[in-house]
Amino acid sequence: MLKNTTFEKWIGTSLGNYRLEQFIEQSNWGPVFLARTNASSTDYQLRFLIGPANQSSKGHELYLERFQYQASQIATLQHPDILPFIAWLY
């Protein structure tokens, strides 16, 4: 797992329509940031998923396909205790 100071360097970075405002935590999946859209002052939690290191290009392709499938399945879930899945960037 990477050190928190590595992720704190990303504060102020823009990714797509999101600007990283604050580092929140490091989880087993990857870092979580407070982010804000460029178009509004709405706050979001932006979670990075760190993929397996040292993968072949075919392995990376399969990982992305699996991730996109699972993300599309998660995006369809609706429950008061589940936050909506808004977007993914890659």
N, C-alpha and C. Protein backbone atom coordinates (compact mmCIF):
# COMPACT_ATOMS: atom_id res chain seq x y z
N MET A 1 0.84 -1.17 0.00
CA MET A 1 0.00 0.00 0.00
C MET A 1 0.89 1.25 0.00
N LEU A 2 0.50 2.26 -0.78
CA LEU A 2 1.29 3.48 -0.86
C LEU A 2 1.03 4.38 0.35
N LYS A 3 2.00 5.22 0.66
CA LYS A 3 1.88 6.13 1.80
C LYS A 3 0.90 7.25 1.49
N ASN A 4 0.24 7.76 2.53
CA ASN A 4 -0.71 8.86 2.37
C ASN A 4 -0.08 10.10 1.77
N THR A 5 1.19 10.36 2.09
CA THR A 5 1.85 11.56 1.58
C THR A 5 1.93 11.52 0.05
N THR A 6 1.99 10.32 -0.53
CA THR A 6 2.00 10.19 -1.98
C THR A 6 0.70 10.74 -2.55
N PHE A 7 -0.41 10.43 -1.93
CA PHE A 7 -1.72 10.85 -2.43
C PHE A 7 -2.00 12.32 -2.15
N GLU A 8 -1.48 12.83 -1.05
CA GLU A 8 -1.70 14.24 -0.73
C GLU A 8 -1.10 15.15 -1.80
N LYS A 9 -0.10 14.67 -2.51
CA LYS A 9 0.50 15.45 -3.60
C LYS A 9 -0.48 15.66 -4.75
N TRP A 10 -1.52 14.82 -4.82
CA TRP A 10 -2.50 14.92 -5.91
C TRP A 10 -3.53 16.02 -5.68
N ILE A 11 -3.60 16.58 -4.45
CA ILE A 11 -4.57 17.62 -4.15
C ILE A 11 -4.35 18.80 -5.10
N GLY A 12 -5.46 19.28 -5.68
CA GLY A 12 -5.40 20.37 -6.66
C GLY A 12 -5.40 19.88 -8.09
N THR A 13 -5.23 18.57 -8.29
CA THR A 13 -5.22 17.99 -9.63
C THR A 13 -6.64 17.90 -10.17
N SER A 14 -6.80 18.20 -11.46
CA SER A 14 -8.09 18.04 -12.12
C SER A 14 -8.08 16.76 -12.94
N LEU A 15 -9.15 15.99 -12.81
CA LEU A 15 -9.34 14.75 -13.57
C LEU A 15 -10.72 14.82 -14.19
N GLY A 16 -10.77 14.94 -15.50
CA GLY A 16 -12.07 15.12 -16.15
C GLY A 16 -12.73 16.37 -15.60
N ASN A 17 -13.95 16.25 -15.12
CA ASN A 17 -14.68 17.39 -14.56
C ASN A 17 -14.48 17.56 -13.06
N TYR A 18 -13.59 16.78 -12.47
CA TYR A 18 -13.41 16.79 -11.03
C TYR A 18 -12.06 17.37 -10.64
N ARG A 19 -12.07 18.14 -9.54
CA ARG A 19 -10.83 18.68 -8.98
C ARG A 19 -10.67 18.08 -7.59
N LEU A 20 -9.52 17.47 -7.32
CA LEU A 20 -9.25 16.86 -6.02
C LEU A 20 -9.00 17.96 -4.99
N GLU A 21 -9.84 18.01 -3.97
CA GLU A 21 -9.77 19.07 -2.97
C GLU A 21 -9.08 18.64 -1.68
N GLN A 22 -9.29 17.37 -1.28
CA GLN A 22 -8.77 16.91 0.02
C GLN A 22 -8.60 15.40 -0.01
N PHE A 23 -7.49 14.92 0.54
CA PHE A 23 -7.29 13.49 0.71
C PHE A 23 -8.08 13.05 1.94
N ILE A 24 -8.93 12.00 1.79
CA ILE A 24 -9.75 11.53 2.90
C ILE A 24 -9.14 10.31 3.57
N GLU A 25 -8.86 9.27 2.77
CA GLU A 25 -8.33 8.05 3.37
C GLU A 25 -7.69 7.16 2.32
N GLN A 26 -6.94 6.18 2.82
CA GLN A 26 -6.37 5.13 1.98
C GLN A 26 -7.05 3.83 2.39
N SER A 27 -7.73 3.20 1.45
CA SER A 27 -8.38 1.92 1.74
C SER A 27 -7.65 0.80 1.01
N ASN A 28 -8.10 -0.41 1.19
CA ASN A 28 -7.50 -1.54 0.47
C ASN A 28 -7.69 -1.41 -1.04
N TRP A 29 -8.74 -0.74 -1.46
CA TRP A 29 -9.01 -0.57 -2.89
C TRP A 29 -8.16 0.54 -3.50
N GLY A 30 -7.87 1.59 -2.72
CA GLY A 30 -7.11 2.73 -3.23
C GLY A 30 -7.48 3.98 -2.46
N PRO A 31 -6.91 5.13 -2.85
CA PRO A 31 -7.15 6.37 -2.12
C PRO A 31 -8.54 6.94 -2.39
N VAL A 32 -9.06 7.69 -1.41
CA VAL A 32 -10.35 8.37 -1.52
C VAL A 32 -10.11 9.85 -1.30
N PHE A 33 -10.69 10.67 -2.19
CA PHE A 33 -10.54 12.12 -2.12
C PHE A 33 -11.90 12.80 -2.06
N LEU A 34 -11.94 13.97 -1.45
CA LEU A 34 -13.06 14.88 -1.60
C LEU A 34 -12.78 15.61 -2.91
N ALA A 35 -13.75 15.60 -3.80
CA ALA A 35 -13.57 16.23 -5.10
C ALA A 35 -14.75 17.15 -5.37
N ARG A 36 -14.55 18.12 -6.23
CA ARG A 36 -15.58 19.07 -6.60
C ARG A 36 -15.60 19.16 -8.12
N THR A 37 -16.79 19.29 -8.69
CA THR A 37 -16.87 19.43 -10.14
C THR A 37 -16.46 20.84 -10.54
N ASN A 38 -15.99 20.96 -11.76
CA ASN A 38 -15.62 22.27 -12.27
C ASN A 38 -16.85 23.14 -12.51
N ALA A 39 -18.00 22.51 -12.77
CA ALA A 39 -19.21 23.25 -13.12
C ALA A 39 -20.00 23.73 -11.90
N SER A 40 -19.81 23.11 -10.73
CA SER A 40 -20.59 23.50 -9.55
C SER A 40 -19.73 23.34 -8.30
N SER A 41 -20.34 23.69 -7.19
CA SER A 41 -19.62 23.54 -5.92
C SER A 41 -20.06 22.28 -5.18
N THR A 42 -20.64 21.32 -5.90
CA THR A 42 -21.07 20.06 -5.30
C THR A 42 -19.86 19.22 -4.93
N ASP A 43 -19.86 18.66 -3.72
CA ASP A 43 -18.78 17.81 -3.26
C ASP A 43 -19.10 16.34 -3.55
N TYR A 44 -18.07 15.60 -3.92
CA TYR A 44 -18.19 14.17 -4.20
C TYR A 44 -17.03 13.45 -3.53
N GLN A 45 -17.23 12.16 -3.26
CA GLN A 45 -16.12 11.30 -2.87
C GLN A 45 -15.63 10.64 -4.14
N LEU A 46 -14.37 10.80 -4.44
CA LEU A 46 -13.78 10.19 -5.62
C LEU A 46 -12.82 9.11 -5.15
N ARG A 47 -13.12 7.87 -5.50
CA ARG A 47 -12.31 6.72 -5.07
C ARG A 47 -11.53 6.20 -6.27
N PHE A 48 -10.24 6.01 -6.06
CA PHE A 48 -9.39 5.42 -7.08
C PHE A 48 -9.27 3.93 -6.80
N LEU A 49 -9.41 3.12 -7.80
CA LEU A 49 -9.20 1.69 -7.66
C LEU A 49 -7.84 1.37 -8.27
N ILE A 50 -6.95 0.90 -7.44
CA ILE A 50 -5.60 0.57 -7.89
C ILE A 50 -5.62 -0.86 -8.42
N GLY A 51 -5.35 -0.99 -9.71
CA GLY A 51 -5.34 -2.31 -10.35
C GLY A 51 -4.07 -3.08 -10.04
N PRO A 52 -4.08 -4.35 -10.35
CA PRO A 52 -2.90 -5.18 -10.11
C PRO A 52 -1.67 -4.67 -10.88
N ALA A 53 -0.54 -4.70 -10.24
CA ALA A 53 0.71 -4.24 -10.88
C ALA A 53 1.29 -5.35 -11.76
N ASN A 54 2.12 -4.97 -12.68
CA ASN A 54 2.87 -5.90 -13.54
C ASN A 54 1.96 -6.87 -14.30
N GLN A 55 0.91 -6.35 -14.89
CA GLN A 55 0.03 -7.18 -15.70
C GLN A 55 0.42 -7.10 -17.16
N SER A 56 0.19 -8.18 -17.87
CA SER A 56 0.37 -8.14 -19.32
C SER A 56 -0.72 -7.26 -19.91
N SER A 57 -0.56 -6.85 -21.16
CA SER A 57 -1.57 -6.00 -21.78
C SER A 57 -2.91 -6.74 -21.89
N LYS A 58 -2.87 -8.05 -22.16
CA LYS A 58 -4.09 -8.84 -22.22
C LYS A 58 -4.73 -8.94 -20.83
N GLY A 59 -3.93 -9.14 -19.81
CA GLY A 59 -4.44 -9.19 -18.44
C GLY A 59 -5.07 -7.87 -18.04
N HIS A 60 -4.44 -6.76 -18.43
CA HIS A 60 -4.98 -5.42 -18.13
C HIS A 60 -6.31 -5.22 -18.86
N GLU A 61 -6.39 -5.66 -20.09
CA GLU A 61 -7.62 -5.55 -20.86
C GLU A 61 -8.75 -6.34 -20.19
N LEU A 62 -8.46 -7.56 -19.75
CA LEU A 62 -9.46 -8.38 -19.07
C LEU A 62 -9.89 -7.74 -17.75
N TYR A 63 -8.93 -7.17 -17.01
CA TYR A 63 -9.23 -6.48 -15.75
C TYR A 63 -10.19 -5.32 -16.02
N LEU A 64 -9.93 -4.51 -17.04
CA LEU A 64 -10.80 -3.37 -17.36
C LEU A 64 -12.19 -3.83 -17.79
N GLU A 65 -12.27 -4.89 -18.58
CA GLU A 65 -13.57 -5.42 -18.98
C GLU A 65 -14.38 -5.87 -17.77
N ARG A 66 -13.73 -6.58 -16.86
CA ARG A 66 -14.39 -7.06 -15.66
C ARG A 66 -14.84 -5.89 -14.78
N PHE A 67 -13.95 -4.88 -14.66
CA PHE A 67 -14.29 -3.70 -13.87
C PHE A 67 -15.50 -2.98 -14.47
N GLN A 68 -15.51 -2.77 -15.79
CA GLN A 68 -16.61 -2.06 -16.42
C GLN A 68 -17.93 -2.84 -16.27
N TYR A 69 -17.87 -4.15 -16.36
CA TYR A 69 -19.07 -4.96 -16.17
C TYR A 69 -19.59 -4.80 -14.74
N GLN A 70 -18.69 -4.94 -13.76
CA GLN A 70 -19.12 -4.82 -12.37
C GLN A 70 -19.62 -3.42 -12.06
N ALA A 71 -18.97 -2.40 -12.60
CA ALA A 71 -19.42 -1.02 -12.38
C ALA A 71 -20.81 -0.80 -12.96
N SER A 72 -21.08 -1.36 -14.13
CA SER A 72 -22.41 -1.20 -14.72
C SER A 72 -23.47 -1.91 -13.88
N GLN A 73 -23.12 -3.05 -13.28
CA GLN A 73 -24.05 -3.76 -12.40
C GLN A 73 -24.31 -2.95 -11.12
N ILE A 74 -23.26 -2.39 -10.54
CA ILE A 74 -23.40 -1.59 -9.33
C ILE A 74 -24.21 -0.33 -9.60
N ALA A 75 -24.02 0.26 -10.76
CA ALA A 75 -24.72 1.51 -11.10
C ALA A 75 -26.23 1.32 -11.15
N THR A 76 -26.71 0.10 -11.34
CA THR A 76 -28.15 -0.14 -11.40
C THR A 76 -28.79 -0.31 -10.01
N LEU A 77 -27.97 -0.48 -8.97
CA LEU A 77 -28.51 -0.67 -7.62
C LEU A 77 -29.16 0.61 -7.11
N GLN A 78 -30.31 0.47 -6.50
CA GLN A 78 -30.99 1.61 -5.90
C GLN A 78 -31.48 1.23 -4.50
N HIS A 79 -30.99 1.96 -3.51
CA HIS A 79 -31.36 1.72 -2.12
C HIS A 79 -31.02 2.99 -1.36
N PRO A 80 -31.81 3.36 -0.35
CA PRO A 80 -31.53 4.59 0.40
C PRO A 80 -30.14 4.64 1.03
N ASP A 81 -29.54 3.47 1.32
CA ASP A 81 -28.23 3.44 1.97
C ASP A 81 -27.08 3.31 0.98
N ILE A 82 -27.38 3.32 -0.32
CA ILE A 82 -26.33 3.21 -1.34
C ILE A 82 -26.26 4.52 -2.11
N LEU A 83 -25.09 5.12 -2.13
CA LEU A 83 -24.90 6.36 -2.90
C LEU A 83 -24.85 6.02 -4.39
N PRO A 84 -25.34 6.92 -5.24
CA PRO A 84 -25.32 6.62 -6.67
C PRO A 84 -23.90 6.60 -7.22
N PHE A 85 -23.70 5.75 -8.19
CA PHE A 85 -22.44 5.66 -8.92
C PHE A 85 -22.54 6.68 -10.04
N ILE A 86 -21.74 7.72 -10.01
CA ILE A 86 -21.92 8.84 -10.93
C ILE A 86 -21.12 8.69 -12.21
N ALA A 87 -19.85 8.36 -12.11
CA ALA A 87 -19.01 8.30 -13.31
C ALA A 87 -17.76 7.51 -12.99
N TRP A 88 -17.10 7.04 -14.06
CA TRP A 88 -15.78 6.47 -13.90
C TRP A 88 -14.87 7.08 -14.93
N LEU A 89 -13.64 7.27 -14.53
CA LEU A 89 -12.60 7.84 -15.39
C LEU A 89 -11.49 6.81 -15.52
N TYR A 90 -11.00 6.62 -16.69
CA TYR A 90 -9.84 5.73 -16.86
C TYR A 90 -9.04 6.15 -18.06
